[in-house]
PDB file of N, CA and C in Angstrom:
ATOM      1  N   MET A   1       0.851  -1.177   0.000  1.00  0.00           N
ATOM      2  CA  MET A   1       0.000   0.000   0.000  1.00  0.00           C
ATOM      3  C   MET A   1       0.900   1.244   0.000  1.00  0.00           C
ATOM      4  N   ILE A   2       0.547   2.231  -0.799  1.00  0.00           N
ATOM      5  CA  ILE A   2       1.341   3.453  -0.835  1.00  0.00           C
ATOM      6  C   ILE A   2       0.736   4.503   0.088  1.00  0.00           C
ATOM      7  N   ALA A   3       1.563   5.461   0.474  1.00  0.00           N
ATOM      8  CA  ALA A   3       1.153   6.445   1.474  1.00  0.00           C
ATOM      9  C   ALA A   3       0.530   7.699   0.883  1.00  0.00           C
ATOM     10  N   CYS A   4       0.094   7.635  -0.358  1.00  0.00           N
ATOM     11  CA  CYS A   4      -0.542   8.787  -0.988  1.00  0.00           C
ATOM     12  C   CYS A   4      -1.534   8.309  -2.040  1.00  0.00           C
ATOM     13  N   THR A   5      -2.324   9.225  -2.527  1.00  0.00           N
ATOM     14  CA  THR A   5      -3.249   8.903  -3.602  1.00  0.00           C
ATOM     15  C   THR A   5      -2.599   9.299  -4.929  1.00  0.00           C
ATOM     16  N   PRO A   6      -2.399   8.357  -5.847  1.00  0.00           N
ATOM     17  CA  PRO A   6      -1.771   8.692  -7.131  1.00  0.00           C
ATOM     18  C   PRO A   6      -2.600   9.733  -7.895  1.00  0.00           C
ATOM     19  N   LEU A   7      -1.886  10.640  -8.574  1.00  0.00           N
ATOM     20  CA  LEU A   7      -2.558  11.641  -9.400  1.00  0.00           C
ATOM     21  C   LEU A   7      -2.915  11.075 -10.767  1.00  0.00           C
ATOM     22  N   ASP A   8      -2.081  10.195 -11.260  1.00  0.00           N
ATOM     23  CA  ASP A   8      -2.296   9.573 -12.565  1.00  0.00           C
ATOM     24  C   ASP A   8      -1.945   8.094 -12.467  1.00  0.00           C
ATOM     25  N   THR A   9      -2.544   7.309 -13.313  1.00  0.00           N
ATOM     26  CA  THR A   9      -2.166   5.906 -13.464  1.00  0.00           C
ATOM     27  C   THR A   9      -2.097   5.609 -14.951  1.00  0.00           C
ATOM     28  N   TRP A  10      -1.268   4.662 -15.318  1.00  0.00           N
ATOM     29  CA  TRP A  10      -1.106   4.285 -16.709  1.00  0.00           C
ATOM     30  C   TRP A  10      -1.094   2.777 -16.826  1.00  0.00           C
ATOM     31  N   ALA A  11      -1.674   2.280 -17.872  1.00  0.00           N
ATOM     32  CA  ALA A  11      -1.589   0.856 -18.188  1.00  0.00           C
ATOM     33  C   ALA A  11      -0.406   0.666 -19.123  1.00  0.00           C
ATOM     34  N   VAL A  12       0.452  -0.270 -18.798  1.00  0.00           N
ATOM     35  CA  VAL A  12       1.597  -0.561 -19.660  1.00  0.00           C
ATOM     36  C   VAL A  12       1.069  -1.301 -20.889  1.00  0.00           C
ATOM     37  N   PRO A  13       1.384  -0.770 -22.066  1.00  0.00           N
ATOM     38  CA  PRO A  13       0.906  -1.437 -23.286  1.00  0.00           C
ATOM     39  C   PRO A  13       1.417  -2.872 -23.384  1.00  0.00           C
ATOM     40  N   GLU A  14       0.569  -3.738 -23.879  1.00  0.00           N
ATOM     41  CA  GLU A  14       0.952  -5.137 -24.040  1.00  0.00           C
ATOM     42  C   GLU A  14       2.194  -5.231 -24.919  1.00  0.00           C
ATOM     43  N   GLY A  15       3.147  -6.021 -24.478  1.00  0.00           N
ATOM     44  CA  GLY A  15       4.368  -6.227 -25.240  1.00  0.00           C
ATOM     45  C   GLY A  15       5.482  -5.242 -24.920  1.00  0.00           C
ATOM     46  N   GLU A  16       5.205  -4.219 -24.116  1.00  0.00           N
ATOM     47  CA  GLU A  16       6.242  -3.241 -23.750  1.00  0.00           C
ATOM     48  C   GLU A  16       6.685  -3.515 -22.316  1.00  0.00           C
ATOM     49  N   SER A  17       7.982  -3.478 -22.081  1.00  0.00           N
ATOM     50  CA  SER A  17       8.458  -3.718 -20.721  1.00  0.00           C
ATOM     51  C   SER A  17       8.090  -2.532 -19.830  1.00  0.00           C
ATOM     52  N   VAL A  18       7.923  -2.806 -18.559  1.00  0.00           N
ATOM     53  CA  VAL A  18       7.595  -1.759 -17.603  1.00  0.00           C
ATOM     54  C   VAL A  18       8.680  -0.691 -17.596  1.00  0.00           C
ATOM     55  N   ALA A  19       9.946  -1.106 -17.607  1.00  0.00           N
ATOM     56  CA  ALA A  19      11.059  -0.157 -17.572  1.00  0.00           C
ATOM     57  C   ALA A  19      11.067   0.743 -18.810  1.00  0.00           C
ATOM     58  N   ALA A  20      10.840   0.163 -19.977  1.00  0.00           N
ATOM     59  CA  ALA A  20      10.820   0.951 -21.214  1.00  0.00           C
ATOM     60  C   ALA A  20       9.643   1.920 -21.209  1.00  0.00           C
ATOM     61  N   PHE A  21       8.498   1.455 -20.739  1.00  0.00           N
ATOM     62  CA  PHE A  21       7.319   2.318 -20.671  1.00  0.00           C
ATOM     63  C   PHE A  21       7.564   3.484 -19.721  1.00  0.00           C
ATOM     64  N   LYS A  22       8.093   3.200 -18.540  1.00  0.00           N
ATOM     65  CA  LYS A  22       8.379   4.250 -17.563  1.00  0.00           C
ATOM     66  C   LYS A  22       9.357   5.273 -18.143  1.00  0.00           C
ATOM     67  N   ASP A  23      10.414   4.796 -18.781  1.00  0.00           N
ATOM     68  CA  ASP A  23      11.401   5.691 -19.379  1.00  0.00           C
ATOM     69  C   ASP A  23      10.757   6.584 -20.436  1.00  0.00           C
ATOM     70  N   ARG A  24       9.924   6.002 -21.280  1.00  0.00           N
ATOM     71  CA  ARG A  24       9.265   6.767 -22.345  1.00  0.00           C
ATOM     72  C   ARG A  24       8.328   7.828 -21.764  1.00  0.00           C
ATOM     73  N   VAL A  25       7.525   7.458 -20.771  1.00  0.00           N
ATOM     74  CA  VAL A  25       6.592   8.408 -20.160  1.00  0.00           C
ATOM     75  C   VAL A  25       7.348   9.548 -19.488  1.00  0.00           C
ATOM     76  N   LEU A  26       8.412   9.219 -18.762  1.00  0.00           N
ATOM     77  CA  LEU A  26       9.193  10.280 -18.105  1.00  0.00           C
ATOM     78  C   LEU A  26       9.781  11.239 -19.137  1.00  0.00           C
ATOM     79  N   ARG A  27      10.337  10.708 -20.233  1.00  0.00           N
ATOM     80  CA  ARG A  27      10.925  11.573 -21.262  1.00  0.00           C
ATOM     81  C   ARG A  27       9.877  12.434 -21.960  1.00  0.00           C
ATOM     82  N   GLU A  28       8.642  11.931 -22.061  1.00  0.00           N
ATOM     83  CA  GLU A  28       7.569  12.712 -22.687  1.00  0.00           C
ATOM     84  C   GLU A  28       7.086  13.844 -21.776  1.00  0.00           C
ATOM     85  N   ARG A  29       7.124  13.630 -20.483  1.00  0.00           N
ATOM     86  CA  ARG A  29       6.532  14.589 -19.536  1.00  0.00           C
ATOM     87  C   ARG A  29       7.515  15.615 -18.976  1.00  0.00           C
ATOM     88  N   TYR A  30       8.813  15.299 -18.963  1.00  0.00           N
ATOM     89  CA  TYR A  30       9.780  16.152 -18.278  1.00  0.00           C
ATOM     90  C   TYR A  30      10.941  16.520 -19.184  1.00  0.00           C
ATOM     91  N   THR A  31      11.537  17.668 -18.901  1.00  0.00           N
ATOM     92  CA  THR A  31      12.692  18.119 -19.673  1.00  0.00           C
ATOM     93  C   THR A  31      13.931  17.329 -19.240  1.00  0.00           C
ATOM     94  N   PRO A  32      14.975  17.328 -20.073  1.00  0.00           N
ATOM     95  CA  PRO A  32      16.213  16.666 -19.660  1.00  0.00           C
ATOM     96  C   PRO A  32      16.752  17.209 -18.327  1.00  0.00           C
ATOM     97  N   GLN A  33      16.612  18.514 -18.101  1.00  0.00           N
ATOM     98  CA  GLN A  33      17.086  19.100 -16.850  1.00  0.00           C
ATOM     99  C   GLN A  33      16.281  18.570 -15.655  1.00  0.00           C
ATOM    100  N   GLU A  34      14.979  18.439 -15.817  1.00  0.00           N
ATOM    101  CA  GLU A  34      14.147  17.893 -14.739  1.00  0.00           C
ATOM    102  C   GLU A  34      14.498  16.431 -14.465  1.00  0.00           C
ATOM    103  N   LEU A  35      14.787  15.682 -15.519  1.00  0.00           N
ATOM    104  CA  LEU A  35      15.158  14.283 -15.335  1.00  0.00           C
ATOM    105  C   LEU A  35      16.507  14.153 -14.652  1.00  0.00           C
ATOM    106  N   GLU A  36      17.445  15.056 -14.950  1.00  0.00           N
ATOM    107  CA  GLU A  36      18.741  15.055 -14.262  1.00  0.00           C
ATOM    108  C   GLU A  36      18.551  15.355 -12.778  1.00  0.00           C
ATOM    109  N   ARG A  37      17.710  16.318 -12.477  1.00  0.00           N
ATOM    110  CA  ARG A  37      17.423  16.668 -11.089  1.00  0.00           C
ATOM    111  C   ARG A  37      16.754  15.505 -10.358  1.00  0.00           C
ATOM    112  N   ARG A  38      15.830  14.834 -11.029  1.00  0.00           N
ATOM    113  CA  ARG A  38      15.161  13.666 -10.464  1.00  0.00           C
ATOM    114  C   ARG A  38      16.178  12.583 -10.136  1.00  0.00           C
ATOM    115  N   GLU A  39      17.071  12.309 -11.075  1.00  0.00           N
ATOM    116  CA  GLU A  39      18.083  11.276 -10.869  1.00  0.00           C
ATOM    117  C   GLU A  39      19.007  11.636  -9.714  1.00  0.00           C
ATOM    118  N   ALA A  40      19.405  12.905  -9.622  1.00  0.00           N
ATOM    119  CA  ALA A  40      20.260  13.340  -8.510  1.00  0.00           C
ATOM    120  C   ALA A  40      19.549  13.141  -7.174  1.00  0.00           C
ATOM    121  N   PHE A  41      18.253  13.438  -7.124  1.00  0.00           N
ATOM    122  CA  PHE A  41      17.474  13.242  -5.907  1.00  0.00           C
ATOM    123  C   PHE A  41      17.441  11.764  -5.525  1.00  0.00           C
ATOM    124  N   ILE A  42      17.154  10.901  -6.494  1.00  0.00           N
ATOM    125  CA  ILE A  42      17.084   9.457  -6.234  1.00  0.00           C
ATOM    126  C   ILE A  42      18.430   8.952  -5.725  1.00  0.00           C
ATOM    127  N   GLN A  43      19.507   9.405  -6.348  1.00  0.00           N
ATOM    128  CA  GLN A  43      20.842   8.990  -5.909  1.00  0.00           C
ATOM    129  C   GLN A  43      21.131   9.484  -4.486  1.00  0.00           C
ATOM    130  N   GLY A  44      20.755  10.716  -4.196  1.00  0.00           N
ATOM    131  CA  GLY A  44      20.976  11.274  -2.854  1.00  0.00           C
ATOM    132  C   GLY A  44      20.212  10.516  -1.780  1.00  0.00           C
ATOM    133  N   VAL A  45      18.966  10.190  -2.044  1.00  0.00           N
ATOM    134  CA  VAL A  45      18.177   9.413  -1.090  1.00  0.00           C
ATOM    135  C   VAL A  45      18.793   8.022  -0.908  1.00  0.00           C
ATOM    136  N   GLY A  46      19.233   7.441  -1.993  1.00  0.00           N
ATOM    137  CA  GLY A  46      19.889   6.127  -1.908  1.00  0.00           C
ATOM    138  C   GLY A  46      21.123   6.168  -1.032  1.00  0.00           C
ATOM    139  N   ARG A  47      21.922   7.229  -1.151  1.00  0.00           N
ATOM    140  CA  ARG A  47      23.116   7.358  -0.312  1.00  0.00           C
ATOM    141  C   ARG A  47      22.744   7.463   1.163  1.00  0.00           C
ATOM    142  N   LEU A  48      21.650   8.147   1.462  1.00  0.00           N
ATOM    143  CA  LEU A  48      21.208   8.256   2.864  1.00  0.00           C
ATOM    144  C   LEU A  48      20.891   6.881   3.449  1.00  0.00           C
ATOM    145  N   PHE A  49      20.219   6.060   2.678  1.00  0.00           N
ATOM    146  CA  PHE A  49      19.837   4.736   3.165  1.00  0.00           C
ATOM    147  C   PHE A  49      21.022   3.789   3.237  1.00  0.00           C
ATOM    148  N   LEU A  50      22.035   4.022   2.411  1.00  0.00           N
ATOM    149  CA  LEU A  50      23.202   3.131   2.396  1.00  0.00           C
ATOM    150  C   LEU A  50      24.323   3.621   3.295  1.00  0.00           C
ATOM    151  N   ALA A  51      24.192   4.818   3.852  1.00  0.00           N
ATOM    152  CA  ALA A  51      25.238   5.380   4.708  1.00  0.00           C
ATOM    153  C   ALA A  51      25.346   4.562   5.988  1.00  0.00           C
ATOM    154  N   PRO A  52      26.582   4.327   6.432  1.00  0.00           N
ATOM    155  CA  PRO A  52      26.747   3.594   7.694  1.00  0.00           C
ATOM    156  C   PRO A  52      26.139   4.388   8.860  1.00  0.00           C
ATOM    157  N   SER A  53      25.451   3.698   9.732  1.00  0.00           N
ATOM    158  CA  SER A  53      24.886   4.373  10.907  1.00  0.00           C
ATOM    159  C   SER A  53      25.933   4.394  12.002  1.00  0.00           C
ATOM    160  N   GLY A  54      25.905   5.441  12.742  1.00  0.00           N
ATOM    161  CA  GLY A  54      26.926   5.437  13.768  1.00  0.00           C
ATOM    162  C   GLY A  54      26.773   6.536  14.664  1.00  0.00           C
TER     163      GLY A  54
END
């Protein structure tokens, strides 16, 4: 269960991989700069979870 109500939902077309569909939708909706910022955010959050606790 997710902690929010989705704003949009999409059906993955038959025969298309989920990853390819997601990549295509993101490229259609966002600029390259927004996608770079998104990726930096994802990487930053990942580093927080992988950082040694101490």
